[in-house]
């Protein structure tokens, strides 16, 4: 069993690997929008109550939508690591994330705090940016363990200071996926442990393990930036609808 966990063999037979990176992005995007829609209209959605089979308590629509939303972050983190490992320019990759983090901050503050500017928390692009920065420094100081550890600890402190979405646990989750990127079973097991507080988030490893290691239909700068831009745009739309 231990040998299977540390093996770099894929858990899923090749014929079942039907999801490209683009398909995973679409899944994560839909789950994210469902989650943010629920949080934007909590007062109305929490009034719609129903009973889910196998659950003893009645649940409301808000509960279901936010649980579906938990699937998005692990998929985005997985795609972030894949992007980092395959990009030709890691510095530009990090810069792009930082630019969209800054762009997304006003829409994030509006939807979460109903203010144009608020320091109570920062959007998830900052978490993803810090994750890329952590992976970059880990590689850069590959031959110096002390600098590796110090640089990662400093980024953790920045994460605390910024109050970035998902916090230190999100940053550590990204590093775990990076460190175990070839250990499919092990990263799935440990990943589900990371996400154990929200069972639904662990379901993200189902589509992740169906990944066929192909880019898919999202190619070229226009589509690539469009998928980045959807994040701040949909937050603004939800804010104005609310």
Protein backbone atom coordinates (compact mmCIF):
# COMPACT_ATOMS: atom_id res chain seq x y z
CA UNK A 1 0.00 0.00 0.00
CA UNK A 2 2.84 2.42 0.85
CA UNK A 3 4.48 1.71 -2.51
CA UNK A 4 1.21 2.55 -4.26
CA UNK A 5 0.94 5.84 -2.38
CA UNK A 6 4.42 7.04 -3.30
CA UNK A 7 4.23 5.74 -6.86
CA UNK A 8 4.06 8.28 -9.68
CA UNK A 9 1.64 6.07 -11.62
CA UNK A 10 -1.71 7.59 -12.48
CA UNK A 11 -4.63 6.37 -10.40
CA UNK A 12 -7.05 6.56 -13.29
CA UNK A 13 -6.65 4.34 -16.40
CA UNK A 14 -5.87 6.37 -19.50
CA UNK A 15 -9.21 5.67 -21.18
CA UNK A 16 -10.98 7.47 -18.34
CA UNK A 17 -8.82 10.59 -18.49
CA UNK A 18 -11.27 12.70 -20.44
CA UNK A 19 -10.86 16.17 -18.95
CA UNK A 20 -8.42 18.68 -20.39
CA UNK A 21 -7.07 21.65 -18.49
CA UNK A 22 -9.70 23.79 -20.19
CA UNK A 23 -12.49 21.46 -19.04
CA UNK A 24 -11.19 21.67 -15.47
CA UNK A 25 -11.17 25.47 -15.71
CA UNK A 26 -14.82 25.45 -16.79
CA UNK A 27 -15.79 23.14 -13.92
CA UNK A 28 -13.95 25.32 -11.40
CA UNK A 29 -15.46 28.48 -12.91
CA UNK A 30 -19.03 27.17 -12.66
CA UNK A 31 -18.51 26.03 -9.07
CA UNK A 32 -16.98 29.39 -8.16
CA UNK A 33 -19.86 31.39 -9.65
CA UNK A 34 -22.38 29.17 -7.83
CA UNK A 35 -20.55 29.83 -4.56
CA UNK A 36 -20.33 33.59 -5.02
CA UNK A 37 -23.97 33.77 -6.13
CA UNK A 38 -25.00 32.02 -2.92
CA UNK A 39 -22.96 34.39 -0.77
CA UNK A 40 -24.37 37.41 -2.60
CA UNK A 41 -27.99 36.38 -2.02
CA UNK A 42 -27.73 34.54 1.27
CA UNK A 43 -30.89 36.02 2.81
CA UNK A 44 -33.10 34.74 -0.02
CA UNK A 45 -31.44 31.38 -0.71
CA UNK A 46 -31.38 30.40 2.97
CA UNK A 47 -35.20 30.46 2.95
CA UNK A 48 -35.38 27.63 0.39
CA UNK A 49 -35.21 24.53 2.57
CA UNK A 50 -35.19 20.89 1.43
CA UNK A 51 -34.01 17.49 2.56
CA UNK A 52 -31.11 15.64 0.92
CA UNK A 53 -31.24 11.82 0.96
CA UNK A 54 -28.85 10.23 3.50
CA UNK A 55 -28.74 13.47 5.52
CA UNK A 56 -30.80 13.55 8.68
CA UNK A 57 -31.22 17.31 8.79
CA UNK A 58 -32.95 19.63 6.38
CA UNK A 59 -30.64 21.90 4.41
CA UNK A 60 -31.18 25.14 2.56
CA UNK A 61 -30.17 26.09 -0.96
CA UNK A 62 -27.43 28.39 0.34
CA UNK A 63 -25.76 25.44 2.10
CA UNK A 64 -25.82 23.31 -1.06
CA UNK A 65 -24.50 26.05 -3.34
CA UNK A 66 -21.62 26.96 -1.03
CA UNK A 67 -20.66 23.29 -0.71
CA UNK A 68 -20.54 22.97 -4.48
CA UNK A 69 -18.44 26.12 -4.49
CA UNK A 70 -15.78 24.48 -2.30
CA UNK A 71 -14.82 22.31 -5.29
CA UNK A 72 -13.44 25.30 -7.20
CA UNK A 73 -10.37 26.23 -5.12
CA UNK A 74 -8.61 22.82 -5.18
CA UNK A 75 -9.04 22.65 -8.96
CA UNK A 76 -7.67 26.16 -9.43
CA UNK A 77 -4.69 25.28 -7.22
CA UNK A 78 -4.04 22.13 -9.25
CA UNK A 79 -4.17 24.12 -12.50
CA UNK A 80 -1.91 26.76 -10.96
CA UNK A 81 0.77 24.14 -10.28
CA UNK A 82 0.38 22.70 -13.77
CA UNK A 83 0.69 26.16 -15.25
CA UNK A 84 3.78 26.91 -13.18
CA UNK A 85 5.48 23.68 -14.21
CA UNK A 86 4.79 24.19 -17.92
CA UNK A 87 5.03 27.95 -18.40
CA UNK A 88 7.98 29.32 -20.37
CA UNK A 89 8.28 32.44 -18.22
CA UNK A 90 7.51 31.95 -14.53
CA UNK A 91 8.13 35.59 -13.68
CA UNK A 92 5.50 36.74 -16.18
CA UNK A 93 3.15 34.06 -14.87
CA UNK A 94 3.49 35.48 -11.34
CA UNK A 95 3.19 39.07 -12.57
CA UNK A 96 -0.02 38.27 -14.45
CA UNK A 97 -1.58 36.84 -11.28
CA UNK A 98 -0.51 39.87 -9.26
CA UNK A 99 -2.00 42.31 -11.81
CA UNK A 100 -5.35 40.50 -11.72
CA UNK A 101 -5.18 40.36 -7.92
CA UNK A 102 -4.97 44.16 -7.87
CA UNK A 103 -7.70 44.53 -10.51
CA UNK A 104 -10.00 42.15 -8.63
CA UNK A 105 -9.65 43.79 -5.23
CA UNK A 106 -12.37 46.44 -5.65
CA UNK A 107 -14.96 43.93 -6.97
CA UNK A 108 -13.96 41.56 -4.12
CA UNK A 109 -14.43 44.29 -1.49
CA UNK A 110 -17.76 45.33 -2.98
CA UNK A 111 -19.21 41.84 -2.95
CA UNK A 112 -17.88 40.83 0.48
CA UNK A 113 -17.85 44.09 2.45
CA UNK A 114 -20.04 46.37 0.33
CA UNK A 115 -17.17 48.87 0.23
CA UNK A 116 -14.84 50.05 -2.51
CA UNK A 117 -11.83 49.48 -0.27
CA UNK A 118 -11.50 47.24 2.77
CA UNK A 119 -8.46 45.55 4.33
CA UNK A 120 -10.42 42.84 6.15
CA UNK A 121 -9.47 40.31 3.50
CA UNK A 122 -7.93 40.01 0.03
CA UNK A 123 -9.14 38.09 -3.00
CA UNK A 124 -7.98 34.62 -4.01
CA UNK A 125 -5.69 35.92 -6.77
CA UNK A 126 -3.33 37.07 -4.01
CA UNK A 127 -3.27 33.53 -2.63
CA UNK A 128 -2.51 32.12 -6.07
CA UNK A 129 0.18 34.75 -6.64
CA UNK A 130 1.84 33.92 -3.30
CA UNK A 131 1.62 30.23 -4.21
CA UNK A 132 3.52 30.83 -7.44
CA UNK A 133 6.03 32.98 -5.58
CA UNK A 134 6.53 30.17 -3.07
CA UNK A 135 7.11 27.59 -5.81
CA UNK A 136 9.49 29.95 -7.60
CA UNK A 137 11.58 30.56 -4.47
CA UNK A 138 11.55 26.86 -3.63
CA UNK A 139 13.11 26.15 -7.03
CA UNK A 140 15.43 29.16 -6.90
CA UNK A 141 16.90 28.10 -3.55
CA UNK A 142 16.93 24.42 -4.43
CA UNK A 143 20.53 24.04 -3.21
CA UNK A 144 20.06 26.02 -0.02
CA UNK A 145 17.57 24.50 2.42
CA UNK A 146 17.90 27.32 4.92
CA UNK A 147 16.93 29.97 2.37
CA UNK A 148 14.12 27.75 1.13
CA UNK A 149 12.60 27.48 4.59
CA UNK A 150 13.14 31.15 5.45
CA UNK A 151 11.61 32.36 2.17
CA UNK A 152 8.53 30.15 2.60
CA UNK A 153 8.07 31.29 6.19
CA UNK A 154 8.27 34.91 5.05
CA UNK A 155 5.57 34.30 2.45
CA UNK A 156 3.40 32.73 5.14
CA UNK A 157 3.81 35.90 7.19
CA UNK A 158 2.78 37.95 4.16
CA UNK A 159 -0.26 35.72 3.76
CA UNK A 160 -1.25 36.42 7.37
CA UNK A 161 -0.65 40.16 6.93
CA UNK A 162 -2.67 40.35 3.71
CA UNK A 163 -5.45 38.09 5.02
CA UNK A 164 -5.56 36.52 1.59
CA UNK A 165 -8.50 34.23 0.85
CA UNK A 166 -7.93 30.69 2.22
CA UNK A 167 -4.95 31.98 4.23
CA UNK A 168 -1.94 29.87 5.13
CA UNK A 169 -3.85 26.63 4.59
CA UNK A 170 -4.46 27.65 0.96
CA UNK A 171 -0.78 28.51 0.48
CA UNK A 172 0.34 25.20 2.04
CA UNK A 173 -2.20 23.32 -0.09
CA UNK A 174 -0.59 24.77 -3.24
CA UNK A 175 2.88 23.79 -2.05
CA UNK A 176 1.66 20.28 -1.27
CA UNK A 177 0.28 19.86 -4.80
CA UNK A 178 3.57 21.18 -6.17
CA UNK A 179 5.76 18.90 -4.05
CA UNK A 180 3.65 15.84 -4.94
CA UNK A 181 2.73 16.77 -8.49
CA UNK A 182 3.78 13.32 -9.81
CA UNK A 183 2.41 11.35 -6.83
CA UNK A 184 -1.23 11.19 -7.84
CA UNK A 185 -2.60 8.89 -5.16
CA UNK A 186 -0.57 10.46 -2.35
CA UNK A 187 -1.52 14.02 -3.20
CA UNK A 188 -5.18 12.98 -3.46
CA UNK A 189 -5.09 11.36 -0.02
CA UNK A 190 -3.21 14.23 1.63
CA UNK A 191 -5.28 16.77 -0.27
CA UNK A 192 -8.52 15.31 1.03
CA UNK A 193 -6.98 15.51 4.52
CA UNK A 194 -6.29 19.21 3.95
CA UNK A 195 -9.90 19.68 2.90
CA UNK A 196 -11.49 17.39 5.49
CA UNK A 197 -13.27 20.29 7.21
CA UNK A 198 -15.38 20.66 4.07
CA UNK A 199 -16.14 17.25 2.62
CA UNK A 200 -17.39 18.61 -0.68
CA UNK A 201 -14.00 20.20 -1.42
CA UNK A 202 -12.42 16.75 -1.49
CA UNK A 203 -14.69 15.90 -4.41
CA UNK A 204 -12.45 18.16 -6.51
CA UNK A 205 -9.98 15.28 -6.76
CA UNK A 206 -12.46 13.32 -8.88
CA UNK A 207 -12.19 15.65 -11.91
CA UNK A 208 -8.52 16.30 -11.12
CA UNK A 209 -7.74 12.61 -11.53
CA UNK A 210 -9.62 12.61 -14.84
CA UNK A 211 -7.13 15.15 -16.19
CA UNK A 212 -5.57 14.04 -19.49
CA UNK A 213 -2.59 16.46 -19.30
CA UNK A 214 -3.75 18.39 -22.39
CA UNK A 215 -4.42 22.11 -22.57
CA UNK A 216 -7.79 21.86 -24.32
CA UNK A 217 -9.70 24.57 -26.15
CA UNK A 218 -8.51 27.56 -24.11
CA UNK A 219 -5.57 28.64 -26.23
CA UNK A 220 -4.08 32.00 -27.08
CA UNK A 221 -3.79 35.17 -25.03
CA UNK A 222 -7.36 36.38 -25.66
CA UNK A 223 -9.10 33.35 -24.18
CA UNK A 224 -6.50 33.03 -21.46
CA UNK A 225 -6.99 36.59 -20.26
CA UNK A 226 -10.76 36.29 -20.69
CA UNK A 227 -10.84 33.48 -18.13
CA UNK A 228 -8.79 35.60 -15.74
CA UNK A 229 -11.10 38.57 -16.30
CA UNK A 230 -14.25 36.57 -15.55
CA UNK A 231 -13.33 36.66 -11.86
CA UNK A 232 -13.58 40.43 -11.26
CA UNK A 233 -16.33 40.86 -13.87
CA UNK A 234 -18.71 38.31 -12.35
CA UNK A 235 -18.14 39.81 -8.88
CA UNK A 236 -19.12 43.24 -10.19
CA UNK A 237 -22.21 41.84 -11.92
CA UNK A 238 -23.35 40.07 -8.75
CA UNK A 239 -22.77 43.23 -6.72
CA UNK A 240 -24.85 45.41 -9.03
CA UNK A 241 -27.65 42.81 -9.24
CA UNK A 242 -27.75 42.66 -5.45
